[in-house]
Amino acid sequence: MTAAALDLQILRAFVLAAREGSVSRAAERLHLTQPAVSLQLKRLAEETGLQLFTRTPHGLALTADGAALLPQAERVLSAVGDLQQAARNLQGTVRGALRIGTILDPEFTRLGVFLRELVESAPQIETELRHGMSGTVLAQVLRGELDVGFHLDTDDDGEAAAPAPLATRTLTRFTYRVVAPAGWGPQVLGRDWKALAALPWLGTPPESAHHRLLNKVFGPLGLSPRRAALVDQEASMLDLLKSGVGLSLLRDSIAIRESQSHGLVMADRVQLDCALRFVSLAARRNEPVIASAWNALARAWN
């Protein structure tokens, strides 16, 4: 007997005839005529070289060979059913690559929770994380080099003011505080932006949120703070602050922690409100992979 000769319809006819003990009832279940089912049973007997049934006054009865063959046939049909179900499941599975632009620390952006939700809901999506500065991530999303990303912007911009090509969601709002090294209280406390501009600052690249936020303050005043050093990572910024190099912006939670533990000084007259946002191109918002990312993000931030 060849594998090609033994088709699934013949196995189904055999299994149903054995279970029902009747060709007519098996035919009803298969939506076939009795002669068609009888022909399939005959073909199976010929292919196997076995007598599978005997006729009794009450219908069909399995022979010893038929009874031995029945569990094997049932397992084949069950395996085929599992295969078909797996195929149906895969038809509805979202798969592909997702390039994610990340910023700041993973705890603040809830990156771990976001990725867990994404993996659980769409396990066939492969993720690629690219860490960078806020402006860099935004530019790469706009150019199509990233699919989604986190971005920082001034709190007064809002979703409605986002660039037209973007779909955006505000995740959280927070405050940046101006922080000075320990012992700089007399130069910082009670001072406004104009007075603070005269002090040395830790500069950041134009792509950073710090640079954009401070430009919105100092630009209209016609001021250009003196730059003591240029840094592009918060860890380096914090180390230089502790070393007494110059002023910088720190998220309020970090500023409070560091002022308490290392004596850093927070300016008490100025602060900058900011928002953490999630962005993608609006035209791609409903692509299956990107839509899965938005759905996972919603669960992570709800």
Protein backbone atom coordinates (compact mmCIF):
# COMPACT_ATOMS: atom_id res chain seq x y z
CA MET A 1 0.00 0.00 0.00
CA THR A 2 1.37 3.43 -0.95
CA ALA A 3 0.85 6.58 1.16
CA ALA A 4 -0.67 8.36 -1.83
CA ALA A 5 -3.26 5.61 -2.26
CA LEU A 6 -4.56 5.99 1.28
CA ASP A 7 -6.42 9.30 1.16
CA LEU A 8 -8.11 10.91 4.13
CA GLN A 9 -11.64 10.43 2.83
CA ILE A 10 -11.16 6.66 2.85
CA LEU A 11 -9.87 6.79 6.44
CA ARG A 12 -12.86 8.91 7.51
CA ALA A 13 -15.25 6.39 5.90
CA PHE A 14 -13.52 3.54 7.72
CA VAL A 15 -13.55 5.25 11.12
CA LEU A 16 -17.19 6.32 10.86
CA ALA A 17 -18.34 2.93 9.60
CA ALA A 18 -16.55 1.32 12.51
CA ARG A 19 -18.04 3.73 15.05
CA GLU A 20 -21.58 3.61 13.61
CA GLY A 21 -21.55 -0.10 12.73
CA SER A 22 -23.45 0.86 9.60
CA VAL A 23 -22.58 1.96 6.07
CA SER A 24 -25.80 3.96 5.78
CA ARG A 25 -25.18 5.97 8.96
CA ALA A 26 -21.55 6.57 7.96
CA ALA A 27 -22.80 7.81 4.59
CA GLU A 28 -25.17 10.23 6.32
CA ARG A 29 -22.37 11.61 8.46
CA LEU A 30 -20.12 12.07 5.43
CA HIS A 31 -22.93 13.44 3.22
CA LEU A 32 -22.22 10.71 0.67
CA THR A 33 -24.26 7.91 -0.85
CA GLN A 34 -24.09 4.38 0.58
CA PRO A 35 -22.49 2.99 -2.62
CA ALA A 36 -19.76 5.63 -2.41
CA VAL A 37 -18.91 4.68 1.17
CA SER A 38 -19.04 0.97 0.37
CA LEU A 39 -16.59 1.60 -2.49
CA GLN A 40 -14.21 3.46 -0.16
CA LEU A 41 -14.27 0.61 2.35
CA LYS A 42 -13.60 -1.86 -0.43
CA ARG A 43 -10.64 0.22 -1.62
CA LEU A 44 -9.20 0.33 1.89
CA ALA A 45 -9.48 -3.45 2.21
CA GLU A 46 -7.75 -3.87 -1.15
CA GLU A 47 -4.99 -1.41 -0.33
CA THR A 48 -4.27 -2.96 3.06
CA GLY A 49 -4.84 -6.56 1.97
CA LEU A 50 -6.95 -7.04 5.08
CA GLN A 51 -10.54 -7.96 5.81
CA LEU A 52 -11.69 -5.12 8.00
CA PHE A 53 -15.41 -5.84 8.54
CA THR A 54 -17.83 -8.74 8.70
CA ARG A 55 -21.54 -8.36 8.15
CA THR A 56 -23.89 -9.34 10.95
CA PRO A 57 -27.66 -9.18 11.28
CA HIS A 58 -27.16 -5.92 13.17
CA GLY A 59 -24.78 -4.30 10.66
CA LEU A 60 -21.00 -4.13 10.35
CA ALA A 61 -18.59 -5.57 12.88
CA LEU A 62 -14.84 -5.03 12.93
CA THR A 63 -12.59 -8.00 12.42
CA ALA A 64 -9.51 -8.41 14.59
CA ASP A 65 -7.43 -6.74 11.87
CA GLY A 66 -9.97 -3.92 11.55
CA ALA A 67 -9.97 -3.37 15.32
CA ALA A 68 -6.17 -3.21 15.30
CA LEU A 69 -6.15 -0.71 12.43
CA LEU A 70 -8.87 1.60 13.85
CA PRO A 71 -6.75 3.40 16.52
CA GLN A 72 -4.05 4.10 13.93
CA ALA A 73 -6.60 5.62 11.55
CA GLU A 74 -8.06 7.74 14.35
CA ARG A 75 -4.62 9.06 15.25
CA VAL A 76 -3.93 10.01 11.64
CA LEU A 77 -7.22 11.92 11.39
CA SER A 78 -6.60 13.61 14.75
CA ALA A 79 -3.12 14.71 13.64
CA VAL A 80 -4.54 16.10 10.39
CA GLY A 81 -7.16 17.99 12.40
CA ASP A 82 -4.44 19.46 14.61
CA LEU A 83 -2.49 20.49 11.52
CA GLN A 84 -5.51 22.19 10.00
CA GLN A 85 -6.24 24.04 13.25
CA ALA A 86 -2.63 25.19 13.51
CA ALA A 87 -2.83 26.47 9.94
CA ARG A 88 -6.03 28.39 10.74
CA ASN A 89 -4.39 29.90 13.81
CA LEU A 90 -1.37 30.99 11.79
CA GLN A 91 -3.61 32.69 9.25
CA GLY A 92 -4.67 35.13 11.96
CA THR A 93 -1.21 35.54 13.47
CA VAL A 94 0.57 38.86 13.11
CA ARG A 95 4.19 38.36 12.13
CA GLY A 96 7.01 40.60 11.00
CA ALA A 97 9.70 42.91 12.36
CA LEU A 98 9.08 45.92 14.60
CA ARG A 99 11.79 48.58 14.98
CA ILE A 100 11.33 50.48 18.25
CA GLY A 101 13.08 53.72 19.14
CA THR A 102 13.74 53.96 22.88
CA ILE A 103 14.94 56.82 25.06
CA LEU A 104 15.82 57.46 28.69
CA ASP A 105 15.72 54.50 31.07
CA PRO A 106 13.47 51.47 30.45
CA GLU A 107 11.69 51.85 33.78
CA PHE A 108 10.48 55.35 32.94
CA THR A 109 9.10 54.35 29.53
CA ARG A 110 7.71 51.04 30.89
CA LEU A 111 9.64 49.36 28.10
CA GLY A 112 9.72 45.97 29.79
CA VAL A 113 5.98 45.91 30.41
CA PHE A 114 5.34 47.08 26.84
CA LEU A 115 7.52 44.33 25.35
CA ARG A 116 5.96 41.68 27.59
CA GLU A 117 2.48 42.65 26.42
CA LEU A 118 3.66 42.62 22.80
CA VAL A 119 5.31 39.20 23.08
CA GLU A 120 2.28 37.66 24.78
CA SER A 121 -0.21 39.02 22.25
CA ALA A 122 1.89 38.70 19.08
CA PRO A 123 4.69 36.18 19.63
CA GLN A 124 5.58 36.06 15.92
CA ILE A 125 6.70 39.70 15.89
CA GLU A 126 10.47 40.18 16.08
CA THR A 127 11.49 43.36 17.88
CA GLU A 128 14.59 45.48 17.32
CA LEU A 129 15.37 48.14 19.93
CA ARG A 130 17.37 51.23 19.00
CA HIS A 131 18.26 53.56 21.85
CA GLY A 132 18.83 57.21 21.07
CA MET A 133 17.94 60.79 21.85
CA SER A 134 14.36 61.98 21.58
CA GLY A 135 14.85 64.07 18.45
CA THR A 136 16.77 61.31 16.71
CA VAL A 137 14.00 58.80 17.36
CA LEU A 138 11.38 61.22 16.02
CA ALA A 139 13.38 61.90 12.86
CA GLN A 140 13.89 58.18 12.24
CA VAL A 141 10.17 57.50 12.63
CA LEU A 142 9.38 60.27 10.15
CA ARG A 143 11.90 58.82 7.67
CA GLY A 144 10.52 55.31 8.08
CA GLU A 145 13.74 54.02 9.65
CA LEU A 146 11.83 53.18 12.85
CA ASP A 147 8.29 51.85 13.04
CA VAL A 148 7.39 53.28 16.46
CA GLY A 149 9.22 55.20 19.14
CA PHE A 150 9.18 57.16 22.37
CA HIS A 151 9.59 60.92 22.18
CA LEU A 152 9.84 63.86 24.58
CA ASP A 153 8.27 67.23 23.90
CA THR A 154 7.04 70.29 25.73
CA ASP A 155 3.81 69.59 27.54
CA ASP A 156 1.90 72.38 25.80
CA ASP A 157 2.27 70.84 22.34
CA GLY A 158 -0.26 68.04 22.81
CA GLU A 159 -1.36 65.42 20.31
CA ALA A 160 -3.22 67.96 18.19
CA ALA A 161 -0.02 69.92 17.59
CA ALA A 162 2.06 66.89 16.57
CA PRO A 163 3.50 66.92 13.04
CA ALA A 164 0.77 65.98 10.57
CA PRO A 165 2.38 62.69 9.46
CA LEU A 166 2.42 61.36 13.02
CA ALA A 167 0.04 59.39 15.18
CA THR A 168 0.89 60.14 18.79
CA ARG A 169 -0.22 59.35 22.31
CA THR A 170 0.82 61.17 25.48
CA LEU A 171 1.87 58.59 28.05
CA THR A 172 2.78 60.76 31.03
CA ARG A 173 3.60 64.34 31.94
CA PHE A 174 6.46 65.32 34.20
CA THR A 175 8.70 68.24 35.12
CA TYR A 176 12.34 68.98 34.40
CA ARG A 177 14.15 70.81 37.19
CA VAL A 178 17.29 72.89 36.84
CA VAL A 179 19.89 71.25 39.07
CA ALA A 180 23.26 72.61 40.19
CA PRO A 181 26.23 70.98 41.94
CA ALA A 182 26.36 70.82 45.72
CA GLY A 183 27.29 74.16 47.27
CA TRP A 184 25.86 76.26 44.44
CA GLY A 185 22.83 77.37 46.45
CA PRO A 186 23.70 81.11 46.50
CA GLN A 187 24.06 81.19 42.69
CA VAL A 188 20.87 79.21 42.01
CA LEU A 189 18.23 79.69 44.69
CA GLY A 190 15.86 82.58 44.00
CA ARG A 191 17.32 83.09 40.50
CA ASP A 192 15.33 83.45 37.29
CA TRP A 193 16.24 82.19 33.80
CA LYS A 194 18.28 85.29 33.00
CA ALA A 195 20.44 84.88 36.09
CA LEU A 196 20.84 81.15 35.54
CA ALA A 197 21.95 81.73 31.94
CA ALA A 198 25.11 83.43 33.24
CA LEU A 199 26.23 80.23 34.95
CA PRO A 200 28.07 77.34 33.25
CA TRP A 201 25.76 74.68 31.80
CA LEU A 202 26.12 71.11 30.61
CA GLY A 203 25.14 71.35 26.96
CA THR A 204 23.42 68.62 24.97
CA PRO A 205 23.16 67.91 21.21
CA PRO A 206 20.34 69.55 19.22
CA GLU A 207 18.54 66.18 18.99
CA SER A 208 18.08 66.01 22.75
CA ALA A 209 14.96 67.12 24.59
CA HIS A 210 17.11 69.21 26.96
CA HIS A 211 18.43 71.28 24.07
CA ARG A 212 14.98 71.92 22.60
CA LEU A 213 13.40 72.75 25.95
CA LEU A 214 16.10 75.23 26.94
CA ASN A 215 16.07 76.86 23.50
CA LYS A 216 12.38 77.62 23.95
CA VAL A 217 13.25 79.45 27.18
CA PHE A 218 16.51 81.19 26.33
CA GLY A 219 15.80 81.90 22.65
CA PRO A 220 13.01 84.47 23.22
CA LEU A 221 15.17 86.12 25.91
CA GLY A 222 18.07 86.45 23.48
CA LEU A 223 20.28 84.47 25.85
CA SER A 224 22.89 81.82 25.14
CA PRO A 225 24.05 80.00 28.28
CA ARG A 226 27.77 79.35 28.65
CA ARG A 227 28.47 75.71 27.87
CA ALA A 228 30.97 74.02 30.19
CA ALA A 229 30.72 70.60 28.54
CA LEU A 230 28.71 68.73 25.91
CA VAL A 231 27.08 65.45 27.00
CA ASP A 232 24.59 63.12 25.33
CA GLN A 233 23.68 60.69 28.12
CA GLU A 234 21.93 61.24 31.43
CA ALA A 235 24.46 59.11 33.31
CA SER A 236 27.34 61.31 32.13
CA MET A 237 25.32 64.42 32.87
CA LEU A 238 24.67 63.33 36.42
CA ASP A 239 28.32 62.47 37.00
CA LEU A 240 29.45 65.90 35.79
CA LEU A 241 26.84 67.55 37.99
CA LYS A 242 28.20 65.75 41.03
CA SER A 243 31.70 66.78 40.00
CA GLY A 244 30.73 70.48 40.04
CA VAL A 245 31.07 71.19 36.31
CA GLY A 246 27.80 73.02 35.67
CA LEU A 247 23.99 73.18 35.65
CA SER A 248 21.71 70.73 33.91
CA LEU A 249 18.12 69.62 33.59
CA LEU A 250 17.01 66.50 35.45
CA ARG A 251 13.63 64.82 35.64
CA ASP A 252 11.96 65.84 38.89
CA SER A 253 12.09 62.35 40.42
CA ILE A 254 15.82 62.07 39.76
CA ALA A 255 16.47 65.66 40.86
CA ILE A 256 14.76 65.09 44.21
CA ARG A 257 16.58 61.80 44.78
CA GLU A 258 19.99 63.24 43.94
CA SER A 259 19.47 66.41 45.98
CA GLN A 260 18.67 64.28 49.00
CA SER A 261 21.47 61.78 48.54
CA HIS A 262 24.26 63.96 47.12
CA GLY A 263 23.33 67.50 48.10
CA LEU A 264 22.65 68.73 44.54
CA VAL A 265 20.78 72.04 44.47
CA MET A 266 17.44 72.45 42.66
CA ALA A 267 16.56 75.91 41.35
CA ASP A 268 13.38 77.01 43.09
CA ARG A 269 12.03 79.62 40.67
CA VAL A 270 12.11 77.81 37.33
CA GLN A 271 11.03 74.49 35.89
CA LEU A 272 10.02 73.04 32.52
CA ASP A 273 6.99 70.87 31.88
CA CYS A 274 7.45 67.97 29.50
CA ALA A 275 5.53 65.00 28.12
CA LEU A 276 6.54 61.48 27.17
CA ARG A 277 4.83 60.40 23.96
CA PHE A 278 4.62 57.34 21.75
CA VAL A 279 4.67 57.97 18.01
CA SER A 280 4.41 56.28 14.63
CA LEU A 281 3.59 57.46 11.13
CA ALA A 282 -0.16 58.05 10.93
CA ALA A 283 -0.29 56.43 7.49
CA ARG A 284 1.11 53.20 8.97
CA ARG A 285 -0.89 53.23 12.21
CA ASN A 286 -3.17 50.34 11.15
CA GLU A 287 -0.50 48.07 9.67
CA PRO A 288 -0.85 44.77 11.61
CA VAL A 289 2.61 44.85 13.24
CA ILE A 290 2.39 48.53 14.21
CA ALA A 291 -1.24 48.20 15.34
CA SER A 292 -0.12 45.32 17.60
CA ALA A 293 2.50 47.63 19.11
CA TRP A 294 -0.09 50.34 19.80
CA ASN A 295 -2.41 47.79 21.41
CA ALA A 296 0.40 46.44 23.60
CA LEU A 297 1.35 49.99 24.59
CA ALA A 298 -2.24 50.74 25.61
CA ARG A 299 -2.25 47.72 27.92
CA ALA A 300 1.16 48.63 29.35
CA TRP A 301 0.07 52.18 30.18
CA ASN A 302 -3.50 51.51 31.36
